[in-house]
Amino acid sequence: MTSTQKIKEVDDAPPTPRSQPVGRVYSSLESPLTFYIRDLRQSLRERRREFLNHLFQKNDLAICGVEEQTPIAQASQPGSIVLSELSGRLLSDGTGFVDSGWELMIDRPNLRMWRRPSCKPLSGSNESGRTVVSLYEYRVCGSFSDISAQCFLEVQLNLAYRRHWDKSVVVLESTKNGDDSGRTEVVRWVSKFPFPMARREYVYARRWWLTTAAKDT
């Protein structure tokens, strides 16, 4: 075998991994499942941003400093939530703020929960042709008998304490309604979940009051 033939054989040999671009070698070490999960999370973030941009149209609220792992949709003043209307219809037995559009999911002596499709749901159709709704609104009414009203109220209202002990909290803040003596507020709650689930954001209005029944407060 001549030296010319040897050189030709070396030139025809496939390139070694060392000669490939660094990014290509790194990508080849990742499984298809990794890319699928990345694409899925990105799709969920985009859908969440579209929903929040439609829901909130005004100035952004300032959020507390947190570590940035994934982007958080910036919230704005929830002008679409009319607190006076909600608080005016919310009765102490939980029956004043639902109509025929709400579906009763749980009906127990100390707990009732309703749900209804969101105003503009992300929907589709299954094989049977029925519409599948992926976004719902929930309303819950419950009572506790093993704790005083004052203690329960303090735990629920102390958002700073919740941020201290609940490690799943990313953002927890409130906007109070000055026309209701501080008893009505909108709470924005962002929680983180284990991988591969993305962060979830909850916005809800709540109103509290104390009544006296017999000797119990």
Protein backbone atom coordinates (compact mmCIF):
# COMPACT_ATOMS: atom_id res chain seq x y z
CA MET A 1 0.00 0.00 0.00
CA THR A 2 1.46 3.36 -1.05
CA SER A 3 1.57 6.51 1.01
CA THR A 4 -0.96 8.12 -1.36
CA GLN A 5 -3.52 5.44 -0.61
CA LYS A 6 -3.01 5.88 3.12
CA ILE A 7 -3.70 9.61 2.91
CA LYS A 8 -6.88 9.00 0.93
CA GLU A 9 -8.18 6.54 3.49
CA VAL A 10 -7.63 9.04 6.27
CA ASP A 11 -9.47 11.78 4.36
CA ASP A 12 -12.47 9.53 3.72
CA ALA A 13 -12.81 8.59 7.39
CA PRO A 14 -15.88 10.06 9.19
CA PRO A 15 -15.19 13.07 11.42
CA THR A 16 -14.68 12.33 15.07
CA PRO A 17 -16.96 13.86 17.71
CA ARG A 18 -14.11 16.18 18.68
CA SER A 19 -14.28 17.84 15.25
CA GLN A 20 -18.04 18.54 15.57
CA PRO A 21 -19.41 21.84 16.92
CA VAL A 22 -19.71 21.93 20.70
CA GLY A 23 -23.45 22.63 20.61
CA ARG A 24 -24.11 19.66 18.36
CA VAL A 25 -22.17 17.25 20.55
CA TYR A 26 -24.02 18.50 23.64
CA SER A 27 -27.42 18.23 22.00
CA SER A 28 -26.75 14.66 20.95
CA LEU A 29 -26.45 13.70 24.61
CA GLU A 30 -29.99 14.83 25.42
CA SER A 31 -32.96 12.53 25.05
CA PRO A 32 -36.00 13.36 22.90
CA LEU A 33 -38.07 13.52 26.10
CA THR A 34 -35.99 16.48 27.29
CA PHE A 35 -36.77 18.45 24.13
CA TYR A 36 -40.45 17.50 24.36
CA ILE A 37 -40.71 18.75 27.95
CA ARG A 38 -38.97 22.01 27.01
CA ASP A 39 -41.35 22.62 24.13
CA LEU A 40 -44.35 21.76 26.31
CA ARG A 41 -43.31 24.16 29.06
CA GLN A 42 -42.69 26.93 26.54
CA SER A 43 -46.13 26.37 25.03
CA LEU A 44 -47.78 26.53 28.46
CA ARG A 45 -45.95 29.76 29.29
CA GLU A 46 -47.11 31.37 26.05
CA ARG A 47 -50.72 30.36 26.64
CA ARG A 48 -50.55 31.66 30.20
CA ARG A 49 -49.15 35.01 29.04
CA GLU A 50 -51.91 35.37 26.44
CA PHE A 51 -54.56 34.66 29.06
CA LEU A 52 -53.09 37.11 31.60
CA ASN A 53 -52.58 39.84 29.01
CA HIS A 54 -56.25 39.59 28.15
CA LEU A 55 -57.34 39.50 31.80
CA PHE A 56 -55.25 42.40 33.03
CA GLN A 57 -54.94 45.54 30.92
CA LYS A 58 -53.63 48.24 33.28
CA ASN A 59 -50.39 49.10 35.07
CA ASP A 60 -48.25 46.31 36.52
CA LEU A 61 -48.14 45.65 40.25
CA ALA A 62 -44.76 45.68 41.96
CA ILE A 63 -43.77 42.19 43.06
CA CYS A 64 -41.43 41.14 45.83
CA GLY A 65 -37.90 40.09 44.94
CA VAL A 66 -37.65 36.39 44.14
CA GLU A 67 -35.20 34.12 42.41
CA GLU A 68 -35.76 33.97 38.66
CA GLN A 69 -36.02 30.39 37.45
CA THR A 70 -38.71 30.83 34.81
CA PRO A 71 -40.43 33.99 33.54
CA ILE A 72 -43.38 35.25 35.59
CA ALA A 73 -46.21 37.05 33.85
CA GLN A 74 -46.40 40.57 35.25
CA ALA A 75 -49.69 41.35 36.94
CA SER A 76 -51.60 44.60 36.68
CA GLN A 77 -54.28 46.28 38.70
CA PRO A 78 -57.19 43.83 38.40
CA GLY A 79 -59.75 46.34 37.20
CA SER A 80 -61.89 43.59 35.73
CA ILE A 81 -62.71 42.32 39.24
CA VAL A 82 -65.36 44.51 40.86
CA LEU A 83 -64.89 43.97 44.58
CA SER A 84 -67.96 45.90 45.66
CA GLU A 85 -70.14 43.72 43.44
CA LEU A 86 -68.63 40.48 44.74
CA SER A 87 -68.74 41.48 48.41
CA GLY A 88 -72.32 42.73 48.09
CA ARG A 89 -73.56 39.36 46.84
CA LEU A 90 -71.42 37.13 49.08
CA LEU A 91 -73.49 35.91 52.04
CA SER A 92 -72.15 34.18 55.12
CA ASP A 93 -73.69 30.86 54.06
CA GLY A 94 -71.98 30.99 50.66
CA THR A 95 -75.20 30.98 48.64
CA GLY A 96 -75.30 34.60 47.53
CA PHE A 97 -72.64 34.58 44.83
CA VAL A 98 -73.61 31.72 42.51
CA ASP A 99 -76.29 31.42 39.85
CA SER A 100 -77.47 28.78 37.40
CA GLY A 101 -74.19 29.06 35.48
CA TRP A 102 -72.24 27.51 38.37
CA GLU A 103 -71.97 23.75 38.73
CA LEU A 104 -71.96 22.37 42.29
CA MET A 105 -68.96 20.03 42.57
CA ILE A 106 -68.80 19.35 46.33
CA ASP A 107 -71.77 19.55 48.70
CA ARG A 108 -70.93 18.68 52.30
CA PRO A 109 -72.15 20.11 55.60
CA ASN A 110 -68.96 22.15 56.09
CA LEU A 111 -67.75 22.54 52.51
CA ARG A 112 -69.30 23.56 49.20
CA MET A 113 -67.47 24.16 45.94
CA TRP A 114 -68.77 25.39 42.58
CA ARG A 115 -67.18 25.82 39.17
CA ARG A 116 -68.05 27.27 35.77
CA PRO A 117 -66.21 27.59 32.45
CA SER A 118 -64.04 30.66 32.09
CA CYS A 119 -65.48 33.55 30.06
CA LYS A 120 -63.11 32.85 27.17
CA PRO A 121 -61.94 29.25 27.69
CA LEU A 122 -59.24 27.48 25.75
CA SER A 123 -61.46 24.76 24.34
CA GLY A 124 -61.48 22.00 21.76
CA SER A 125 -63.43 18.91 20.80
CA ASN A 126 -62.84 15.30 21.69
CA GLU A 127 -63.62 12.23 19.59
CA SER A 128 -67.30 12.34 20.51
CA GLY A 129 -67.62 15.93 19.28
CA ARG A 130 -68.26 17.38 22.75
CA THR A 131 -66.57 20.65 23.66
CA VAL A 132 -63.72 20.22 26.14
CA VAL A 133 -63.14 23.24 28.39
CA SER A 134 -59.69 23.54 29.93
CA LEU A 135 -60.15 26.67 32.10
CA TYR A 136 -62.62 27.03 34.97
CA GLU A 137 -63.48 29.49 37.72
CA TYR A 138 -63.99 28.07 41.21
CA ARG A 139 -65.82 29.32 44.29
CA VAL A 140 -65.63 27.67 47.69
CA CYS A 141 -67.54 28.14 50.94
CA GLY A 142 -66.56 26.23 54.09
CA SER A 143 -66.55 26.35 57.88
CA PHE A 144 -64.22 25.16 60.65
CA SER A 145 -65.24 24.12 64.16
CA ASP A 146 -61.84 23.25 65.71
CA ILE A 147 -60.31 26.75 65.69
CA SER A 148 -61.46 30.17 66.85
CA ALA A 149 -62.53 32.74 64.31
CA GLN A 150 -59.80 35.16 65.40
CA CYS A 151 -57.00 32.59 64.98
CA PHE A 152 -58.29 31.42 61.63
CA LEU A 153 -58.60 35.00 60.39
CA GLU A 154 -55.05 35.85 61.46
CA VAL A 155 -53.59 32.87 59.59
CA GLN A 156 -55.52 33.73 56.42
CA LEU A 157 -54.71 37.45 56.41
CA ASN A 158 -51.03 37.29 57.36
CA LEU A 159 -49.50 36.98 53.89
CA ALA A 160 -46.01 37.86 55.14
CA TYR A 161 -46.07 34.87 57.48
CA ARG A 162 -47.28 32.65 54.65
CA ARG A 163 -44.36 33.76 52.49
CA HIS A 164 -42.03 32.89 55.38
CA TRP A 165 -43.02 29.27 55.96
CA ASP A 166 -44.48 28.20 52.60
CA LYS A 167 -41.50 27.42 50.35
CA SER A 168 -43.74 26.96 47.30
CA VAL A 169 -44.69 30.66 47.29
CA VAL A 170 -43.01 32.72 44.56
CA VAL A 171 -45.26 35.80 44.74
CA LEU A 172 -47.97 36.52 47.30
CA GLU A 173 -49.43 40.02 47.43
CA SER A 174 -52.75 41.79 47.87
CA THR A 175 -54.56 44.92 46.73
CA LYS A 176 -57.09 46.14 49.27
CA ASN A 177 -60.27 48.05 48.57
CA GLY A 178 -60.24 51.28 50.56
CA ASP A 179 -64.03 51.61 50.39
CA ASP A 180 -64.64 48.52 52.51
CA SER A 181 -62.55 49.25 55.63
CA GLY A 182 -59.84 46.87 54.45
CA ARG A 183 -62.11 43.83 54.59
CA THR A 184 -62.12 43.17 50.85
CA GLU A 185 -59.02 42.54 48.78
CA VAL A 186 -57.64 40.93 45.64
CA VAL A 187 -54.86 38.41 46.24
CA ARG A 188 -52.31 37.41 43.61
CA TRP A 189 -50.59 34.11 44.36
CA VAL A 190 -47.83 32.51 42.24
CA SER A 191 -46.70 29.02 43.31
CA LYS A 192 -43.94 26.78 42.04
CA PHE A 193 -44.30 23.05 41.51
CA PRO A 194 -41.83 20.18 40.96
CA PHE A 195 -40.35 19.72 37.49
CA PRO A 196 -41.65 19.39 34.80
CA MET A 197 -44.68 21.39 35.96
CA ALA A 198 -44.49 25.15 35.48
CA ARG A 199 -45.42 27.84 37.97
CA ARG A 200 -49.11 28.57 38.44
CA GLU A 201 -50.73 31.91 39.11
CA TYR A 202 -53.97 32.44 41.03
CA VAL A 203 -55.90 35.72 41.36
CA TYR A 204 -58.93 35.81 43.63
CA ALA A 205 -61.09 38.31 45.50
CA ARG A 206 -61.98 37.72 49.13
CA ARG A 207 -64.02 39.45 51.80
CA TRP A 208 -64.06 38.73 55.52
CA TRP A 209 -66.31 39.61 58.43
CA LEU A 210 -66.96 38.51 62.02
CA THR A 211 -70.41 37.70 63.36
CA THR A 212 -71.58 36.60 66.79
CA ALA A 213 -73.72 33.48 67.11
CA ALA A 214 -74.81 32.69 70.68
CA LYS A 215 -71.55 32.76 72.71
CA ASP A 216 -69.26 31.86 69.83
CA THR A 217 -67.48 34.52 67.77
